[in-house]
C-alpha atoms as a PDB file:
ATOM      1  CA  UNK A   1      64.451 250.896   8.748  1.00  0.00           C
ATOM      2  CA  UNK A   2      64.041 253.905  10.585  1.00  0.00           C
ATOM      3  CA  UNK A   3      66.883 256.178  11.804  1.00  0.00           C
ATOM      4  CA  UNK A   4      67.759 255.099  15.319  1.00  0.00           C
ATOM      5  CA  UNK A   5      70.285 256.585  17.616  1.00  0.00           C
ATOM      6  CA  UNK A   6      72.828 254.195  19.295  1.00  0.00           C
ATOM      7  CA  UNK A   7      75.460 254.127  21.897  1.00  0.00           C
ATOM      8  CA  UNK A   8      78.940 255.513  21.359  1.00  0.00           C
ATOM      9  CA  UNK A   9      81.710 253.406  20.096  1.00  0.00           C
ATOM     10  CA  UNK A  10      85.569 254.006  20.047  1.00  0.00           C
ATOM     11  CA  UNK A  11      86.591 257.098  17.917  1.00  0.00           C
ATOM     12  CA  UNK A  12      89.071 259.104  15.892  1.00  0.00           C
ATOM     13  CA  UNK A  13      89.267 262.713  14.963  1.00  0.00           C
ATOM     14  CA  UNK A  14      88.547 263.891  11.728  1.00  0.00           C
ATOM     15  CA  UNK A  15      88.219 267.856  10.632  1.00  0.00           C
ATOM     16  CA  UNK A  16      85.599 268.000   7.789  1.00  0.00           C
ATOM     17  CA  UNK A  17      83.502 270.990   6.702  1.00  0.00           C
ATOM     18  CA  UNK A  18      79.679 271.279   6.717  1.00  0.00           C
ATOM     19  CA  UNK A  19      77.625 273.875   4.762  1.00  0.00           C
ATOM     20  CA  UNK A  20      75.971 276.153   7.533  1.00  0.00           C
ATOM     21  CA  UNK A  21      72.443 275.297   6.663  1.00  0.00           C
ATOM     22  CA  UNK A  22      72.993 271.768   7.096  1.00  0.00           C
ATOM     23  CA  UNK A  23      74.831 272.445  10.534  1.00  0.00           C
ATOM     24  CA  UNK A  24      71.573 274.249  11.535  1.00  0.00           C
ATOM     25  CA  UNK A  25      69.261 271.654  10.361  1.00  0.00           C
ATOM     26  CA  UNK A  26      71.002 269.183  12.463  1.00  0.00           C
ATOM     27  CA  UNK A  27      71.363 271.236  15.469  1.00  0.00           C
ATOM     28  CA  UNK A  28      67.662 271.882  15.143  1.00  0.00           C
ATOM     29  CA  UNK A  29      66.965 268.254  15.001  1.00  0.00           C
ATOM     30  CA  UNK A  30      68.838 267.166  17.840  1.00  0.00           C
ATOM     31  CA  UNK A  31      67.849 269.932  20.239  1.00  0.00           C
ATOM     32  CA  UNK A  32      66.592 268.598  23.407  1.00  0.00           C
ATOM     33  CA  UNK A  33      67.556 265.292  22.617  1.00  0.00           C
ATOM     34  CA  UNK A  34      70.029 262.967  24.275  1.00  0.00           C
ATOM     35  CA  UNK A  35      72.716 263.285  21.495  1.00  0.00           C
ATOM     36  CA  UNK A  36      75.888 265.258  20.185  1.00  0.00           C
ATOM     37  CA  UNK A  37      76.322 266.937  16.917  1.00  0.00           C
ATOM     38  CA  UNK A  38      79.006 264.220  16.319  1.00  0.00           C
ATOM     39  CA  UNK A  39      76.999 261.311  17.299  1.00  0.00           C
ATOM     40  CA  UNK A  40      73.864 262.296  14.869  1.00  0.00           C
ATOM     41  CA  UNK A  41      76.457 262.640  12.181  1.00  0.00           C
ATOM     42  CA  UNK A  42      78.219 259.249  12.549  1.00  0.00           C
ATOM     43  CA  UNK A  43      74.789 257.654  13.032  1.00  0.00           C
ATOM     44  CA  UNK A  44      73.654 259.496   9.593  1.00  0.00           C
ATOM     45  CA  UNK A  45      76.630 258.040   8.009  1.00  0.00           C
ATOM     46  CA  UNK A  46      76.317 254.298   9.264  1.00  0.00           C
ATOM     47  CA  UNK A  47      72.798 254.510   8.109  1.00  0.00           C
ATOM     48  CA  UNK A  48      73.889 255.734   4.586  1.00  0.00           C
ATOM     49  CA  UNK A  49      76.479 253.031   4.328  1.00  0.00           C
ATOM     50  CA  UNK A  50      74.242 250.350   5.380  1.00  0.00           C
ATOM     51  CA  UNK A  51      71.635 251.243   2.700  1.00  0.00           C
ATOM     52  CA  UNK A  52      74.049 251.847  -0.156  1.00  0.00           C
ATOM     53  CA  UNK A  53      75.318 248.257   0.481  1.00  0.00           C
ATOM     54  CA  UNK A  54      71.562 247.036   0.455  1.00  0.00           C
ATOM     55  CA  UNK A  55      71.265 249.063  -2.825  1.00  0.00           C
ATOM     56  CA  UNK A  56      74.294 247.649  -4.533  1.00  0.00           C
ATOM     57  CA  UNK A  57      73.236 243.938  -3.363  1.00  0.00           C
ATOM     58  CA  UNK A  58      69.849 244.692  -5.003  1.00  0.00           C
ATOM     59  CA  UNK A  59      71.610 245.748  -8.313  1.00  0.00           C
ATOM     60  CA  UNK A  60      73.897 242.672  -8.334  1.00  0.00           C
END
């Protein structure tokens, strides 16, 4: 499954710290795309969780 941008959902504020080099890479990637930094991070986390669940189900 490829990474795909999805529409916005209900949200809650959380404060986290990112390494500056990761922030720079994300901002470079989303430049000229219709997506915010937060939306990108949310979708990346959802993608990671979906794949972790698949990997765990394959191991069982």
